Protein backbone atom coordinates (compact mmCIF):
# COMPACT_ATOMS: atom_id res chain seq x y z
CA MET A 1 -15.43 47.75 -16.97
CA ILE A 2 -12.61 46.81 -19.32
CA LEU A 3 -10.10 44.13 -18.29
CA ASP A 4 -6.54 44.04 -19.55
CA LYS A 5 -4.74 40.76 -20.37
CA SER A 6 -3.72 40.02 -16.76
CA GLY A 7 -7.24 40.84 -15.56
CA TRP A 8 -8.73 38.26 -17.93
CA ARG A 9 -6.21 35.66 -16.76
CA LEU A 10 -7.12 36.30 -13.14
CA CYS A 11 -10.81 36.07 -13.97
CA LEU A 12 -10.31 32.79 -15.87
CA PHE A 13 -8.24 31.38 -13.00
CA CYS A 14 -10.97 32.22 -10.47
CA VAL A 15 -13.66 30.60 -12.62
CA LEU A 16 -11.59 27.43 -13.06
CA ALA A 17 -10.71 27.28 -9.36
CA ALA A 18 -14.39 27.54 -8.45
CA CYS A 19 -15.19 24.58 -10.70
CA ALA A 20 -12.43 22.32 -9.34
CA PRO A 21 -13.55 19.42 -7.13
CA ASP A 22 -12.63 19.65 -3.44
CA LYS A 23 -11.92 15.92 -3.11
CA ALA A 24 -9.89 13.44 -5.11
CA PRO A 25 -11.86 12.09 -8.06
CA VAL A 26 -13.03 8.50 -8.20
CA VAL A 27 -10.38 6.53 -10.05
CA ALA A 28 -11.51 3.58 -12.15
CA GLY A 29 -9.91 0.30 -11.13
CA ARG A 30 -8.90 1.64 -7.71
CA ALA A 31 -10.67 1.21 -4.38
CA ASN A 32 -12.15 4.51 -3.25
CA THR A 33 -14.26 3.53 -0.24
CA LEU A 34 -13.84 1.00 2.54
CA SER A 35 -16.57 -1.17 1.03
CA ASP A 36 -14.57 -1.30 -2.23
CA TYR A 37 -11.73 -2.91 -0.25
CA VAL A 38 -13.66 -5.33 1.98
CA ASP A 39 -16.56 -6.32 -0.28
CA GLY A 40 -16.93 -10.12 -0.17
CA ARG A 41 -14.63 -10.48 2.86
CA VAL A 42 -15.37 -11.44 6.45
CA ALA A 43 -14.03 -9.50 9.44
CA GLY A 44 -11.98 -11.30 12.06
CA ASP A 45 -11.03 -10.37 15.61
CA PRO A 46 -8.99 -7.15 16.00
CA VAL A 47 -5.25 -7.46 16.66
CA ASP A 48 -2.88 -4.86 18.08
CA CYS A 49 0.11 -5.61 15.80
CA ILE A 50 0.69 -7.02 12.31
CA ASN A 51 3.83 -8.22 10.55
CA THR A 52 4.96 -5.91 7.77
CA GLN A 53 6.87 -8.38 5.62
CA SER A 54 5.55 -9.28 2.15
CA SER A 55 2.94 -6.58 1.94
CA SER A 56 1.88 -3.68 -0.21
CA GLY A 57 1.93 -1.17 2.66
CA LEU A 58 -0.72 1.13 4.02
CA SER A 59 -3.33 2.78 1.83
CA THR A 60 -5.49 5.70 2.91
CA VAL A 61 -9.24 5.35 2.55
CA ASP A 62 -10.23 8.57 4.35
CA GLU A 63 -9.29 10.69 7.37
CA THR A 64 -10.12 7.87 9.80
CA THR A 65 -9.40 4.66 7.91
CA LEU A 66 -6.26 2.96 6.56
CA VAL A 67 -5.97 -0.41 4.84
CA TYR A 68 -2.96 -2.73 4.90
CA ARG A 69 -2.70 -5.67 2.48
CA SER A 70 -0.69 -8.74 3.46
CA GLY A 71 -1.13 -11.59 0.99
CA ALA A 72 -4.82 -12.46 0.76
CA THR A 73 -5.65 -10.65 4.02
CA LEU A 74 -6.67 -7.01 4.31
CA PHE A 75 -6.20 -5.31 7.67
CA VAL A 76 -8.44 -2.31 8.28
CA ASN A 77 -7.17 0.23 10.78
CA THR A 78 -9.68 2.71 12.14
CA LEU A 79 -7.76 5.57 13.72
CA PRO A 80 -8.82 6.48 17.29
CA ALA A 81 -9.41 10.06 16.13
CA ARG A 82 -9.91 11.83 12.82
CA CYS A 83 -6.61 12.72 11.13
CA PRO A 84 -7.20 16.10 9.44
CA GLY A 85 -5.90 16.36 5.91
CA LEU A 86 -5.18 12.65 5.46
CA ASP A 87 -6.08 11.96 1.84
CA PRO A 88 -5.93 8.86 -0.41
CA LEU A 89 -3.39 10.61 -2.67
CA ASP A 90 -1.01 11.46 0.19
CA THR A 91 2.28 9.67 0.77
CA LEU A 92 2.11 8.06 4.20
CA ILE A 93 4.98 8.54 6.63
CA VAL A 94 4.90 5.79 9.25
CA GLU A 95 6.93 5.73 12.47
CA GLN A 96 7.00 2.10 13.52
CA PHE A 97 9.22 0.42 16.07
CA GLY A 98 10.62 -2.95 15.00
CA SER A 99 9.35 -5.11 12.17
CA ARG A 100 5.70 -4.94 13.17
CA LEU A 101 3.11 -2.23 12.74
CA CYS A 102 1.23 -1.74 16.02
CA ARG A 103 -1.62 0.15 17.60
CA GLY A 104 -0.24 3.46 18.80
CA ASP A 105 2.41 3.78 16.05
CA LYS A 106 2.46 7.21 14.42
CA VAL A 107 1.40 8.04 10.87
CA ARG A 108 1.37 11.32 8.92
CA GLY A 109 0.26 12.29 5.45
CA LEU A 110 2.45 14.17 2.99
CA GLU A 111 0.41 15.94 0.33
CA PRO A 112 1.86 15.73 -3.20
CA GLY A 113 4.02 18.75 -4.00
CA THR A 114 4.57 19.75 -0.38
CA ALA A 115 7.50 19.32 1.97
CA ILE A 116 5.78 19.62 5.33
CA PRO A 117 3.79 16.57 6.49
CA GLY A 118 0.42 16.81 8.15
CA PRO A 119 -0.38 16.22 11.83
CA ILE A 120 0.80 13.13 13.70
CA CYS A 121 -1.95 10.57 14.12
CA ARG A 122 -1.89 7.28 16.01
CA LEU A 123 -2.97 3.92 14.64
CA GLY A 124 -5.81 1.91 16.15
CA SER A 125 -6.24 -1.86 16.20
CA PHE A 126 -6.12 -3.85 12.97
CA VAL A 127 -9.20 -5.83 11.91
CA PRO A 128 -8.33 -8.65 9.46
CA TYR A 129 -10.67 -9.21 6.51
CA ARG A 130 -10.41 -12.50 4.63
CA LYS A 131 -12.40 -14.08 1.84
CA PRO A 132 -14.60 -16.83 3.27
CA LYS A 133 -13.52 -20.40 2.70
CA LEU A 134 -15.86 -22.11 0.28
CA PRO A 135 -17.32 -25.45 1.38
CA PRO A 136 -16.30 -28.47 -0.71
CA GLU A 137 -18.66 -29.04 -3.61
CA ALA A 138 -21.17 -31.83 -3.17
CA GLY A 139 -20.48 -34.97 -5.13
CA THR A 140 -16.73 -34.44 -5.52
CA ASN A 141 -14.15 -36.78 -4.16
CA GLY A 142 -11.36 -35.21 -2.23
């Protein structure tokens, strides 16, 4: 079988597509799993709403977990149900009412290069994670 120029291109494309990873690659210097975010932190009691002032916004960990950073506190939101297609590289579209982000608010993922967002998913409760307070050192005045 002899392939013409376009046949070779198609063949090369198929080979490269088969070798491409199906998930986003691990990025150095960026949290890729929930444990990367919360390592060394202690979980607090879940809350239904959080203030959204002075924060870095929501980050996607996977199809069931979002993280919100507010100062030194990380809030982990485990969605009540899996949100198909939600990916760490997606732009998040959040429908919140008022200045707080609450359980039940809607979130959708927008894949890079697309114009149609993914399915609507609802937020769960927010679990705060904080670094533990260190006890005062022995022998110091203060």
